[in-house]
């Protein structure tokens, strides 16, 4: 995992293509142990799939600190919205939007339609 520091944020970047339940536990511990002087975000630019445990982790962590996600792929974003865990995180399409706190993706609701 890589950690980037900017003047206003710490960005956690898991350097793997899949977030397993074990990796989700590790990311949760890393998130809780980060200093509280800056905001924190997950950069999921190279992550293609993740376990449900990663999404469930947001509910617990959001009680302690605000969670932001940047660069999430479309399939994971749709899963996040379908499971309704989007209310625990702020989602941005790029790091510039995160730093400026603008263009947050929200109020997206999906439904499954049978054909």
PDB file of N, CA and C in Angstrom:
ATOM      1  N   UNK A   1       0.841  -1.167   0.000  1.00  0.00           N
ATOM      2  CA  UNK A   1       0.000   0.000   0.000  1.00  0.00           C
ATOM      3  C   UNK A   1       0.893   1.239   0.000  1.00  0.00           C
ATOM      4  N   UNK A   2       0.469   2.224  -0.772  1.00  0.00           N
ATOM      5  CA  UNK A   2       1.190   3.492  -0.822  1.00  0.00           C
ATOM      6  C   UNK A   2       0.364   4.539  -0.083  1.00  0.00           C
ATOM      7  N   UNK A   3       1.056   5.436   0.601  1.00  0.00           N
ATOM      8  CA  UNK A   3       0.392   6.548   1.284  1.00  0.00           C
ATOM      9  C   UNK A   3       0.996   7.840   0.751  1.00  0.00           C
ATOM     10  N   UNK A   4       0.135   8.700   0.226  1.00  0.00           N
ATOM     11  CA  UNK A   4       0.568   9.995  -0.278  1.00  0.00           C
ATOM     12  C   UNK A   4       0.106  11.073   0.684  1.00  0.00           C
ATOM     13  N   UNK A   5       0.921  12.080   0.841  1.00  0.00           N
ATOM     14  CA  UNK A   5       0.569  13.187   1.717  1.00  0.00           C
ATOM     15  C   UNK A   5       0.576  14.484   0.922  1.00  0.00           C
ATOM     16  N   UNK A   6      -0.505  15.240   1.047  1.00  0.00           N
ATOM     17  CA  UNK A   6      -0.598  16.570   0.453  1.00  0.00           C
ATOM     18  C   UNK A   6      -0.774  17.545   1.613  1.00  0.00           C
ATOM     19  N   UNK A   7      -0.795  18.821   1.364  1.00  0.00           N
ATOM     20  CA  UNK A   7      -0.983  19.760   2.471  1.00  0.00           C
ATOM     21  C   UNK A   7      -2.313  19.579   3.219  1.00  0.00           C
ATOM     22  N   UNK A   8      -3.330  19.023   2.554  1.00  0.00           N
ATOM     23  CA  UNK A   8      -4.645  18.909   3.191  1.00  0.00           C
ATOM     24  C   UNK A   8      -5.133  17.475   3.375  1.00  0.00           C
ATOM     25  N   UNK A   9      -4.507  16.483   2.713  1.00  0.00           N
ATOM     26  CA  UNK A   9      -5.025  15.114   2.722  1.00  0.00           C
ATOM     27  C   UNK A   9      -3.916  14.073   2.844  1.00  0.00           C
ATOM     28  N   UNK A  10      -4.292  12.927   3.397  1.00  0.00           N
ATOM     29  CA  UNK A  10      -3.531  11.688   3.270  1.00  0.00           C
ATOM     30  C   UNK A  10      -4.325  10.813   2.329  1.00  0.00           C
ATOM     31  N   UNK A  11      -3.660  10.219   1.340  1.00  0.00           N
ATOM     32  CA  UNK A  11      -4.343   9.368   0.378  1.00  0.00           C
ATOM     33  C   UNK A  11      -3.750   7.970   0.465  1.00  0.00           C
ATOM     34  N   UNK A  12      -4.603   7.001   0.805  1.00  0.00           N
ATOM     35  CA  UNK A  12      -4.200   5.594   0.880  1.00  0.00           C
ATOM     36  C   UNK A  12      -4.474   4.956  -0.475  1.00  0.00           C
ATOM     37  N   UNK A  13      -3.463   4.347  -1.054  1.00  0.00           N
ATOM     38  CA  UNK A  13      -3.591   3.737  -2.372  1.00  0.00           C
ATOM     39  C   UNK A  13      -3.174   2.278  -2.291  1.00  0.00           C
ATOM     40  N   UNK A  14      -4.158   1.355  -2.227  1.00  0.00           N
ATOM     41  CA  UNK A  14      -3.787  -0.058  -2.229  1.00  0.00           C
ATOM     42  C   UNK A  14      -3.214  -0.422  -3.599  1.00  0.00           C
ATOM     43  N   UNK A  15      -2.017  -0.963  -3.613  1.00  0.00           N
ATOM     44  CA  UNK A  15      -1.375  -1.286  -4.890  1.00  0.00           C
ATOM     45  C   UNK A  15      -1.660  -2.735  -5.279  1.00  0.00           C
ATOM     46  N   UNK A  16      -2.938  -3.052  -5.415  1.00  0.00           N
ATOM     47  CA  UNK A  16      -3.368  -4.377  -5.827  1.00  0.00           C
ATOM     48  C   UNK A  16      -4.623  -4.230  -6.682  1.00  0.00           C
ATOM     49  N   UNK A  17      -4.930  -5.272  -7.452  1.00  0.00           N
ATOM     50  CA  UNK A  17      -6.095  -5.233  -8.324  1.00  0.00           C
ATOM     51  C   UNK A  17      -7.356  -5.754  -7.646  1.00  0.00           C
ATOM     52  N   UNK A  18      -7.196  -6.437  -6.524  1.00  0.00           N
ATOM     53  CA  UNK A  18      -8.351  -6.989  -5.818  1.00  0.00           C
ATOM     54  C   UNK A  18      -8.197  -6.741  -4.321  1.00  0.00           C
ATOM     55  N   UNK A  19      -9.259  -6.252  -3.698  1.00  0.00           N
ATOM     56  CA  UNK A  19      -9.242  -6.062  -2.250  1.00  0.00           C
ATOM     57  C   UNK A  19      -9.966  -7.252  -1.626  1.00  0.00           C
ATOM     58  N   UNK A  20      -9.200  -8.129  -1.025  1.00  0.00           N
ATOM     59  CA  UNK A  20      -9.738  -9.314  -0.362  1.00  0.00           C
ATOM     60  C   UNK A  20     -10.219  -8.924   1.040  1.00  0.00           C
ATOM     61  N   UNK A  21     -10.930  -9.820   1.726  1.00  0.00           N
ATOM     62  CA  UNK A  21     -11.329  -9.496   3.105  1.00  0.00           C
ATOM     63  C   UNK A  21     -10.136  -9.183   4.019  1.00  0.00           C
ATOM     64  N   UNK A  22      -9.023  -9.884   3.818  1.00  0.00           N
ATOM     65  CA  UNK A  22      -7.832  -9.614   4.628  1.00  0.00           C
ATOM     66  C   UNK A  22      -7.266  -8.225   4.328  1.00  0.00           C
ATOM     67  N   UNK A  23      -7.255  -7.853   3.048  1.00  0.00           N
ATOM     68  CA  UNK A  23      -6.775  -6.530   2.663  1.00  0.00           C
ATOM     69  C   UNK A  23      -7.715  -5.449   3.204  1.00  0.00           C
ATOM     70  N   UNK A  24      -9.011  -5.727   3.226  1.00  0.00           N
ATOM     71  CA  UNK A  24      -9.978  -4.767   3.780  1.00  0.00           C
ATOM     72  C   UNK A  24      -9.696  -4.536   5.260  1.00  0.00           C
ATOM     73  N   UNK A  25      -9.392  -5.600   6.009  1.00  0.00           N
ATOM     74  CA  UNK A  25      -9.027  -5.445   7.421  1.00  0.00           C
ATOM     75  C   UNK A  25      -7.771  -4.595   7.568  1.00  0.00           C
ATOM     76  N   UNK A  26      -6.770  -4.860   6.736  1.00  0.00           N
ATOM     77  CA  UNK A  26      -5.518  -4.104   6.776  1.00  0.00           C
ATOM     78  C   UNK A  26      -5.761  -2.624   6.466  1.00  0.00           C
ATOM     79  N   UNK A  27      -6.584  -2.339   5.456  1.00  0.00           N
ATOM     80  CA  UNK A  27      -6.893  -0.949   5.104  1.00  0.00           C
ATOM     81  C   UNK A  27      -7.654  -0.246   6.222  1.00  0.00           C
ATOM     82  N   UNK A  28      -8.540  -0.982   6.906  1.00  0.00           N
ATOM     83  CA  UNK A  28      -9.270  -0.402   8.035  1.00  0.00           C
ATOM     84  C   UNK A  28      -8.335  -0.028   9.173  1.00  0.00           C
ATOM     85  N   UNK A  29      -7.379  -0.900   9.463  1.00  0.00           N
ATOM     86  CA  UNK A  29      -6.406  -0.616  10.524  1.00  0.00           C
ATOM     87  C   UNK A  29      -5.527   0.567  10.128  1.00  0.00           C
ATOM     88  N   UNK A  30      -5.083   0.594   8.874  1.00  0.00           N
ATOM     89  CA  UNK A  30      -4.256   1.715   8.399  1.00  0.00           C
ATOM     90  C   UNK A  30      -5.034   3.018   8.467  1.00  0.00           C
ATOM     91  N   UNK A  31      -6.302   2.977   8.112  1.00  0.00           N
ATOM     92  CA  UNK A  31      -7.141   4.179   8.128  1.00  0.00           C
ATOM     93  C   UNK A  31      -7.302   4.720   9.544  1.00  0.00           C
ATOM     94  N   UNK A  32      -7.552   3.823  10.496  1.00  0.00           N
ATOM     95  CA  UNK A  32      -7.733   4.253  11.893  1.00  0.00           C
ATOM     96  C   UNK A  32      -6.439   4.762  12.514  1.00  0.00           C
ATOM     97  N   UNK A  33      -5.300   4.284  12.041  1.00  0.00           N
ATOM     98  CA  UNK A  33      -4.031   4.661  12.655  1.00  0.00           C
ATOM     99  C   UNK A  33      -3.424   5.942  12.068  1.00  0.00           C
ATOM    100  N   UNK A  34      -4.011   6.474  11.017  1.00  0.00           N
ATOM    101  CA  UNK A  34      -3.464   7.687  10.409  1.00  0.00           C
ATOM    102  C   UNK A  34      -3.690   8.890  11.317  1.00  0.00           C
ATOM    103  N   UNK A  35      -2.776   9.858  11.319  1.00  0.00           N
ATOM    104  CA  UNK A  35      -2.952  11.079  12.127  1.00  0.00           C
ATOM    105  C   UNK A  35      -4.223  11.820  11.735  1.00  0.00           C
ATOM    106  N   UNK A  36      -4.752  12.578  12.654  1.00  0.00           N
ATOM    107  CA  UNK A  36      -6.025  13.273  12.422  1.00  0.00           C
ATOM    108  C   UNK A  36      -5.844  14.732  11.999  1.00  0.00           C
ATOM    109  N   UNK A  37      -4.638  15.117  11.619  1.00  0.00           N
ATOM    110  CA  UNK A  37      -4.420  16.518  11.238  1.00  0.00           C
ATOM    111  C   UNK A  37      -4.859  16.836   9.808  1.00  0.00           C
ATOM    112  N   UNK A  38      -5.125  15.812   8.987  1.00  0.00           N
ATOM    113  CA  UNK A  38      -5.568  16.000   7.612  1.00  0.00           C
ATOM    114  C   UNK A  38      -6.722  15.043   7.317  1.00  0.00           C
ATOM    115  N   UNK A  39      -7.436  15.316   6.248  1.00  0.00           N
ATOM    116  CA  UNK A  39      -8.489  14.416   5.814  1.00  0.00           C
ATOM    117  C   UNK A  39      -7.870  13.200   5.130  1.00  0.00           C
ATOM    118  N   UNK A  40      -8.635  12.098   5.112  1.00  0.00           N
ATOM    119  CA  UNK A  40      -8.141  10.857   4.515  1.00  0.00           C
ATOM    120  C   UNK A  40      -9.012  10.430   3.354  1.00  0.00           C
ATOM    121  N   UNK A  41      -8.380   9.778   2.376  1.00  0.00           N
ATOM    122  CA  UNK A  41      -9.115   9.285   1.215  1.00  0.00           C
ATOM    123  C   UNK A  41      -8.478   7.989   0.723  1.00  0.00           C
ATOM    124  N   UNK A  42      -9.286   7.156   0.082  1.00  0.00           N
ATOM    125  CA  UNK A  42      -8.817   5.952  -0.595  1.00  0.00           C
ATOM    126  C   UNK A  42      -8.756   6.249  -2.083  1.00  0.00           C
ATOM    127  N   UNK A  43      -7.612   5.969  -2.708  1.00  0.00           N
ATOM    128  CA  UNK A  43      -7.479   6.076  -4.161  1.00  0.00           C
ATOM    129  C   UNK A  43      -7.569   4.667  -4.725  1.00  0.00           C
ATOM    130  N   UNK A  44      -8.654   4.367  -5.420  1.00  0.00           N
ATOM    131  CA  UNK A  44      -8.896   3.019  -5.932  1.00  0.00           C
ATOM    132  C   UNK A  44      -8.676   2.945  -7.438  1.00  0.00           C
ATOM    133  N   UNK A  45      -7.707   3.673  -7.946  1.00  0.00           N
ATOM    134  CA  UNK A  45      -7.498   3.763  -9.391  1.00  0.00           C
ATOM    135  C   UNK A  45      -7.106   2.434 -10.031  1.00  0.00           C
ATOM    136  N   UNK A  46      -6.335   1.594  -9.358  1.00  0.00           N
ATOM    137  CA  UNK A  46      -5.942   0.324  -9.986  1.00  0.00           C
ATOM    138  C   UNK A  46      -6.757  -0.862  -9.475  1.00  0.00           C
ATOM    139  N   UNK A  47      -7.623  -0.635  -8.501  1.00  0.00           N
ATOM    140  CA  UNK A  47      -8.425  -1.723  -7.954  1.00  0.00           C
ATOM    141  C   UNK A  47      -9.569  -2.039  -8.910  1.00  0.00           C
ATOM    142  N   UNK A  48      -9.688  -3.324  -9.273  1.00  0.00           N
ATOM    143  CA  UNK A  48     -10.740  -3.744 -10.204  1.00  0.00           C
ATOM    144  C   UNK A  48     -11.918  -4.392  -9.487  1.00  0.00           C
ATOM    145  N   UNK A  49     -11.662  -5.138  -8.415  1.00  0.00           N
ATOM    146  CA  UNK A  49     -12.728  -5.792  -7.655  1.00  0.00           C
ATOM    147  C   UNK A  49     -12.418  -5.689  -6.162  1.00  0.00           C
ATOM    148  N   UNK A  50     -13.455  -5.823  -5.370  1.00  0.00           N
ATOM    149  CA  UNK A  50     -13.251  -5.812  -3.927  1.00  0.00           C
ATOM    150  C   UNK A  50     -14.326  -6.659  -3.254  1.00  0.00           C
ATOM    151  N   UNK A  51     -14.039  -7.063  -2.049  1.00  0.00           N
ATOM    152  CA  UNK A  51     -14.973  -7.893  -1.284  1.00  0.00           C
ATOM    153  C   UNK A  51     -16.034  -7.014  -0.631  1.00  0.00           C
ATOM    154  N   UNK A  52     -17.128  -7.636  -0.234  1.00  0.00           N
ATOM    155  CA  UNK A  52     -18.189  -6.917   0.468  1.00  0.00           C
ATOM    156  C   UNK A  52     -17.688  -6.359   1.785  1.00  0.00           C
ATOM    157  N   UNK A  53     -16.711  -7.017   2.376  1.00  0.00           N
ATOM    158  CA  UNK A  53     -16.177  -6.569   3.661  1.00  0.00           C
ATOM    159  C   UNK A  53     -15.576  -5.167   3.546  1.00  0.00           C
ATOM    160  N   UNK A  54     -15.023  -4.850   2.401  1.00  0.00           N
ATOM    161  CA  UNK A  54     -14.471  -3.516   2.182  1.00  0.00           C
ATOM    162  C   UNK A  54     -15.578  -2.470   2.260  1.00  0.00           C
ATOM    163  N   UNK A  55     -16.717  -2.742   1.633  1.00  0.00           N
ATOM    164  CA  UNK A  55     -17.848  -1.816   1.700  1.00  0.00           C
ATOM    165  C   UNK A  55     -18.433  -1.752   3.106  1.00  0.00           C
ATOM    166  N   UNK A  56     -18.529  -2.879   3.781  1.00  0.00           N
ATOM    167  CA  UNK A  56     -19.084  -2.894   5.139  1.00  0.00           C
ATOM    168  C   UNK A  56     -18.188  -2.138   6.110  1.00  0.00           C
ATOM    169  N   UNK A  57     -16.899  -2.101   5.819  1.00  0.00           N
ATOM    170  CA  UNK A  57     -15.952  -1.379   6.651  1.00  0.00           C
ATOM    171  C   UNK A  57     -16.281   0.113   6.711  1.00  0.00           C
ATOM    172  N   UNK A  58     -16.867   0.651   5.632  1.00  0.00           N
ATOM    173  CA  UNK A  58     -17.192   2.075   5.584  1.00  0.00           C
ATOM    174  C   UNK A  58     -18.162   2.468   6.686  1.00  0.00           C
ATOM    175  N   UNK A  59     -19.110   1.590   7.002  1.00  0.00           N
ATOM    176  CA  UNK A  59     -20.094   1.912   8.033  1.00  0.00           C
ATOM    177  C   UNK A  59     -19.414   2.125   9.386  1.00  0.00           C
ATOM    178  N   UNK A  60     -18.480   1.257   9.725  1.00  0.00           N
ATOM    179  CA  UNK A  60     -17.766   1.372  11.004  1.00  0.00           C
ATOM    180  C   UNK A  60     -16.835   2.592  11.021  1.00  0.00           C
ATOM    181  N   UNK A  61     -16.078   2.768   9.950  1.00  0.00           N
ATOM    182  CA  UNK A  61     -15.088   3.848   9.919  1.00  0.00           C
ATOM    183  C   UNK A  61     -15.727   5.221   9.840  1.00  0.00           C
ATOM    184  N   UNK A  62     -16.904   5.319   9.239  1.00  0.00           N
ATOM    185  CA  UNK A  62     -17.535   6.631   9.085  1.00  0.00           C
ATOM    186  C   UNK A  62     -17.984   7.216  10.416  1.00  0.00           C
ATOM    187  N   UNK A  63     -18.083   6.385  11.444  1.00  0.00           N
ATOM    188  CA  UNK A  63     -18.437   6.888  12.773  1.00  0.00           C
ATOM    189  C   UNK A  63     -17.258   7.597  13.428  1.00  0.00           C
ATOM    190  N   UNK A  64     -16.043   7.274  12.983  1.00  0.00           N
ATOM    191  CA  UNK A  64     -14.842   7.871  13.548  1.00  0.00           C
ATOM    192  C   UNK A  64     -14.367   9.083  12.746  1.00  0.00           C
ATOM    193  N   UNK A  65     -14.400   8.973  11.430  1.00  0.00           N
ATOM    194  CA  UNK A  65     -13.904  10.030  10.541  1.00  0.00           C
ATOM    195  C   UNK A  65     -14.659   9.999   9.230  1.00  0.00           C
ATOM    196  N   UNK A  66     -14.566  11.091   8.521  1.00  0.00           N
ATOM    197  CA  UNK A  66     -15.164  11.146   7.187  1.00  0.00           C
ATOM    198  C   UNK A  66     -14.318  10.341   6.211  1.00  0.00           C
ATOM    199  N   UNK A  67     -14.953   9.580   5.351  1.00  0.00           N
ATOM    200  CA  UNK A  67     -14.257   8.752   4.370  1.00  0.00           C
ATOM    201  C   UNK A  67     -14.503   9.325   2.978  1.00  0.00           C
ATOM    202  N   UNK A  68     -13.443   9.432   2.194  1.00  0.00           N
ATOM    203  CA  UNK A  68     -13.563   9.855   0.802  1.00  0.00           C
ATOM    204  C   UNK A  68     -12.924   8.797  -0.088  1.00  0.00           C
ATOM    205  N   UNK A  69     -13.477   8.661  -1.276  1.00  0.00           N
ATOM    206  CA  UNK A  69     -12.947   7.718  -2.262  1.00  0.00           C
ATOM    207  C   UNK A  69     -12.752   8.476  -3.565  1.00  0.00           C
ATOM    208  N   UNK A  70     -11.621   8.219  -4.225  1.00  0.00           N
ATOM    209  CA  UNK A  70     -11.382   8.808  -5.536  1.00  0.00           C
ATOM    210  C   UNK A  70     -11.026   7.706  -6.521  1.00  0.00           C
ATOM    211  N   UNK A  71     -11.296   7.972  -7.788  1.00  0.00           N
ATOM    212  CA  UNK A  71     -10.909   7.102  -8.902  1.00  0.00           C
ATOM    213  C   UNK A  71     -11.469   5.683  -8.800  1.00  0.00           C
ATOM    214  N   UNK A  72     -12.710   5.544  -8.417  1.00  0.00           N
ATOM    215  CA  UNK A  72     -13.346   4.225  -8.306  1.00  0.00           C
ATOM    216  C   UNK A  72     -13.903   3.819  -9.676  1.00  0.00           C
ATOM    217  N   UNK A  73     -13.709   2.544 -10.058  1.00  0.00           N
ATOM    218  CA  UNK A  73     -14.217   2.120 -11.367  1.00  0.00           C
ATOM    219  C   UNK A  73     -15.742   1.972 -11.338  1.00  0.00           C
ATOM    220  N   UNK A  74     -16.338   1.913 -12.515  1.00  0.00           N
ATOM    221  CA  UNK A  74     -17.796   1.943 -12.640  1.00  0.00           C
ATOM    222  C   UNK A  74     -18.491   0.750 -11.988  1.00  0.00           C
ATOM    223  N   UNK A  75     -17.923  -0.428 -12.117  1.00  0.00           N
ATOM    224  CA  UNK A  75     -18.559  -1.620 -11.537  1.00  0.00           C
ATOM    225  C   UNK A  75     -18.577  -1.550 -10.014  1.00  0.00           C
ATOM    226  N   UNK A  76     -17.478  -1.135  -9.430  1.00  0.00           N
ATOM    227  CA  UNK A  76     -17.436  -1.011  -7.969  1.00  0.00           C
ATOM    228  C   UNK A  76     -18.360   0.110  -7.504  1.00  0.00           C
ATOM    229  N   UNK A  77     -18.440   1.174  -8.260  1.00  0.00           N
ATOM    230  CA  UNK A  77     -19.322   2.289  -7.919  1.00  0.00           C
ATOM    231  C   UNK A  77     -20.788   1.844  -7.937  1.00  0.00           C
ATOM    232  N   UNK A  78     -21.168   1.085  -8.955  1.00  0.00           N
ATOM    233  CA  UNK A  78     -22.534   0.574  -9.026  1.00  0.00           C
ATOM    234  C   UNK A  78     -22.824  -0.362  -7.856  1.00  0.00           C
ATOM    235  N   UNK A  79     -21.853  -1.201  -7.489  1.00  0.00           N
ATOM    236  CA  UNK A  79     -22.035  -2.101  -6.342  1.00  0.00           C
ATOM    237  C   UNK A  79     -22.202  -1.312  -5.048  1.00  0.00           C
ATOM    238  N   UNK A  80     -21.429  -0.278  -4.897  1.00  0.00           N
ATOM    239  CA  UNK A  80     -21.514   0.565  -3.705  1.00  0.00           C
ATOM    240  C   UNK A  80     -22.902   1.185  -3.583  1.00  0.00           C
ATOM    241  N   UNK A  81     -23.442   1.673  -4.689  1.00  0.00           N
ATOM    242  CA  UNK A  81     -24.767   2.271  -4.683  1.00  0.00           C
ATOM    243  C   UNK A  81     -25.861   1.232  -4.462  1.00  0.00           C
ATOM    244  N   UNK A  82     -25.737   0.067  -5.103  1.00  0.00           N
ATOM    245  CA  UNK A  82     -26.756  -0.977  -4.948  1.00  0.00           C
ATOM    246  C   UNK A  82     -26.850  -1.480  -3.513  1.00  0.00           C
ATOM    247  N   UNK A  83     -25.706  -1.584  -2.844  1.00  0.00           N
ATOM    248  CA  UNK A  83     -25.700  -2.075  -1.460  1.00  0.00           C
ATOM    249  C   UNK A  83     -25.969  -0.951  -0.458  1.00  0.00           C
ATOM    250  N   UNK A  84     -26.135   0.283  -0.964  1.00  0.00           N
ATOM    251  CA  UNK A  84     -26.469   1.462  -0.159  1.00  0.00           C
ATOM    252  C   UNK A  84     -25.399   1.837   0.870  1.00  0.00           C
ATOM    253  N   UNK A  85     -24.153   1.539   0.558  1.00  0.00           N
ATOM    254  CA  UNK A  85     -23.053   1.974   1.420  1.00  0.00           C
ATOM    255  C   UNK A  85     -22.519   3.345   0.990  1.00  0.00           C
ATOM    256  N   UNK A  86     -23.111   3.929  -0.045  1.00  0.00           N
ATOM    257  CA  UNK A  86     -22.656   5.235  -0.515  1.00  0.00           C
ATOM    258  C   UNK A  86     -22.933   6.333   0.496  1.00  0.00           C
ATOM    259  N   UNK A  87     -23.863   6.122   1.423  1.00  0.00           N
ATOM    260  CA  UNK A  87     -24.171   7.161   2.409  1.00  0.00           C
ATOM    261  C   UNK A  87     -23.066   7.325   3.449  1.00  0.00           C
ATOM    262  N   UNK A  88     -22.117   6.411   3.480  1.00  0.00           N
ATOM    263  CA  UNK A  88     -21.027   6.481   4.457  1.00  0.00           C
ATOM    264  C   UNK A  88     -19.763   7.127   3.897  1.00  0.00           C
ATOM    265  N   UNK A  89     -19.712   7.381   2.595  1.00  0.00           N
ATOM    266  CA  UNK A  89     -18.492   7.903   1.978  1.00  0.00           C
ATOM    267  C   UNK A  89     -18.814   9.080   1.059  1.00  0.00           C
ATOM    268  N   UNK A  90     -17.793   9.880   0.817  1.00  0.00           N
ATOM    269  CA  UNK A  90     -17.859  10.907  -0.217  1.00  0.00           C
ATOM    270  C   UNK A  90     -17.080  10.353  -1.399  1.00  0.00           C
ATOM    271  N   UNK A  91     -17.672  10.426  -2.585  1.00  0.00           N
ATOM    272  CA  UNK A  91     -17.057   9.839  -3.765  1.00  0.00           C
ATOM    273  C   UNK A  91     -16.751  10.947  -4.767  1.00  0.00           C
ATOM    274  N   UNK A  92     -15.504  10.962  -5.218  1.00  0.00           N
ATOM    275  CA  UNK A  92     -15.057  11.951  -6.198  1.00  0.00           C
ATOM    276  C   UNK A  92     -14.450  11.219  -7.392  1.00  0.00           C
ATOM    277  N   UNK A  93     -14.526  11.836  -8.556  1.00  0.00           N
ATOM    278  CA  UNK A  93     -13.974  11.195  -9.753  1.00  0.00           C
ATOM    279  C   UNK A  93     -12.473  11.418  -9.898  1.00  0.00           C
ATOM    280  N   UNK A  94     -11.942  12.458  -9.263  1.00  0.00           N
ATOM    281  CA  UNK A  94     -10.501  12.718  -9.375  1.00  0.00           C
ATOM    282  C   UNK A  94      -9.974  13.352  -8.095  1.00  0.00           C
ATOM    283  N   UNK A  95      -8.653  13.379  -7.990  1.00  0.00           N
ATOM    284  CA  UNK A  95      -8.044  13.977  -6.802  1.00  0.00           C
ATOM    285  C   UNK A  95      -8.220  15.493  -6.786  1.00  0.00           C
ATOM    286  N   UNK A  96      -8.312  16.120  -7.931  1.00  0.00           N
ATOM    287  CA  UNK A  96      -8.529  17.572  -7.970  1.00  0.00           C
ATOM    288  C   UNK A  96      -9.879  17.920  -7.354  1.00  0.00           C
ATOM    289  N   UNK A  97     -10.899  17.125  -7.678  1.00  0.00           N
ATOM    290  CA  UNK A  97     -12.222  17.348  -7.079  1.00  0.00           C
ATOM    291  C   UNK A  97     -12.180  17.125  -5.574  1.00  0.00           C
ATOM    292  N   UNK A  98     -11.405  16.155  -5.122  1.00  0.00           N
ATOM    293  CA  UNK A  98     -11.257  15.905  -3.688  1.00  0.00           C
ATOM    294  C   UNK A  98     -10.618  17.101  -2.996  1.00  0.00           C
ATOM    295  N   UNK A  99      -9.530  17.608  -3.553  1.00  0.00           N
ATOM    296  CA  UNK A  99      -8.825  18.720  -2.929  1.00  0.00           C
ATOM    297  C   UNK A  99      -9.680  19.980  -2.888  1.00  0.00           C
ATOM    298  N   UNK A 100     -10.478  20.199  -3.937  1.00  0.00           N
ATOM    299  CA  UNK A 100     -11.349  21.377  -3.995  1.00  0.00           C
ATOM    300  C   UNK A 100     -12.698  21.143  -3.333  1.00  0.00           C
ATOM    301  N   UNK A 101     -12.987  19.905  -2.943  1.00  0.00           N
ATOM    302  CA  UNK A 101     -14.257  19.507  -2.341  1.00  0.00           C
ATOM    303  C   UNK A 101     -15.440  19.938  -3.223  1.00  0.00           C
ATOM    304  N   UNK A 102     -15.386  19.513  -4.473  1.00  0.00           N
ATOM    305  CA  UNK A 102     -16.448  19.848  -5.419  1.00  0.00           C
ATOM    306  C   UNK A 102     -16.739  18.645  -6.315  1.00  0.00           C
ATOM    307  N   UNK A 103     -17.851  18.656  -6.949  1.00  0.00           N
ATOM    308  CA  UNK A 103     -18.286  17.609  -7.878  1.00  0.00           C
ATOM    309  C   UNK A 103     -18.359  16.232  -7.219  1.00  0.00           C
ATOM    310  N   UNK A 104     -18.852  16.197  -6.007  1.00  0.00           N
ATOM    311  CA  UNK A 104     -19.032  14.914  -5.329  1.00  0.00           C
ATOM    312  C   UNK A 104     -20.153  14.146  -6.021  1.00  0.00           C
ATOM    313  N   UNK A 105     -19.934  12.853  -6.254  1.00  0.00           N
ATOM    314  CA  UNK A 105     -20.978  12.014  -6.838  1.00  0.00           C
ATOM    315  C   UNK A 105     -21.932  11.609  -5.727  1.00  0.00           C
ATOM    316  N   UNK A 106     -23.206  11.934  -5.889  1.00  0.00           N
ATOM    317  CA  UNK A 106     -24.160  11.557  -4.860  1.00  0.00           C
ATOM    318  C   UNK A 106     -25.552  11.446  -5.446  1.00  0.00           C
ATOM    319  N   UNK A 107     -26.439  10.924  -4.624  1.00  0.00           N
ATOM    320  CA  UNK A 107     -27.844  10.752  -4.989  1.00  0.00           C
ATOM    321  C   UNK A 107     -28.035   9.920  -6.249  1.00  0.00           C
ATOM    322  N   UNK A 108     -27.232   8.916  -6.415  1.00  0.00           N
ATOM    323  CA  UNK A 108     -27.400   8.001  -7.530  1.00  0.00           C
ATOM    324  C   UNK A 108     -28.098   6.762  -7.001  1.00  0.00           C
ATOM    325  N   UNK A 109     -29.178   6.389  -7.588  1.00  0.00           N
ATOM    326  CA  UNK A 109     -29.909   5.195  -7.167  1.00  0.00           C
ATOM    327  C   UNK A 109     -30.078   4.294  -8.376  1.00  0.00           C
ATOM    328  N   UNK A 110     -29.734   3.037  -8.208  1.00  0.00           N
ATOM    329  CA  UNK A 110     -29.874   2.048  -9.242  1.00  0.00           C
ATOM    330  C   UNK A 110     -30.915   1.034  -8.821  1.00  0.00           C
ATOM    331  N   UNK A 111     -31.521   0.410  -9.779  1.00  0.00           N
ATOM    332  CA  UNK A 111     -32.416  -0.703  -9.474  1.00  0.00           C
ATOM    333  C   UNK A 111     -32.175  -1.785 -10.518  1.00  0.00           C
ATOM    334  N   UNK A 112     -32.394  -3.008 -10.112  1.00  0.00           N
ATOM    335  CA  UNK A 112     -32.219  -4.135 -11.017  1.00  0.00           C
ATOM    336  C   UNK A 112     -33.515  -4.338 -11.783  1.00  0.00           C
ATOM    337  N   UNK A 113     -33.402  -4.492 -13.070  1.00  0.00           N
ATOM    338  CA  UNK A 113     -34.564  -4.661 -13.929  1.00  0.00           C
ATOM    339  C   UNK A 113     -34.455  -6.003 -14.624  1.00  0.00           C
ATOM    340  N   UNK A 114     -35.502  -6.813 -14.515  1.00  0.00           N
ATOM    341  CA  UNK A 114     -35.510  -8.118 -15.196  1.00  0.00           C
ATOM    342  C   UNK A 114     -36.024  -7.929 -16.616  1.00  0.00           C
ATOM    343  N   UNK A 115     -35.501  -8.723 -17.532  1.00  0.00           N
ATOM    344  CA  UNK A 115     -35.923  -8.624 -18.921  1.00  0.00           C
ATOM    345  C   UNK A 115     -36.758  -9.814 -19.285  1.00  0.00           C
TER     346      UNK A 115
END
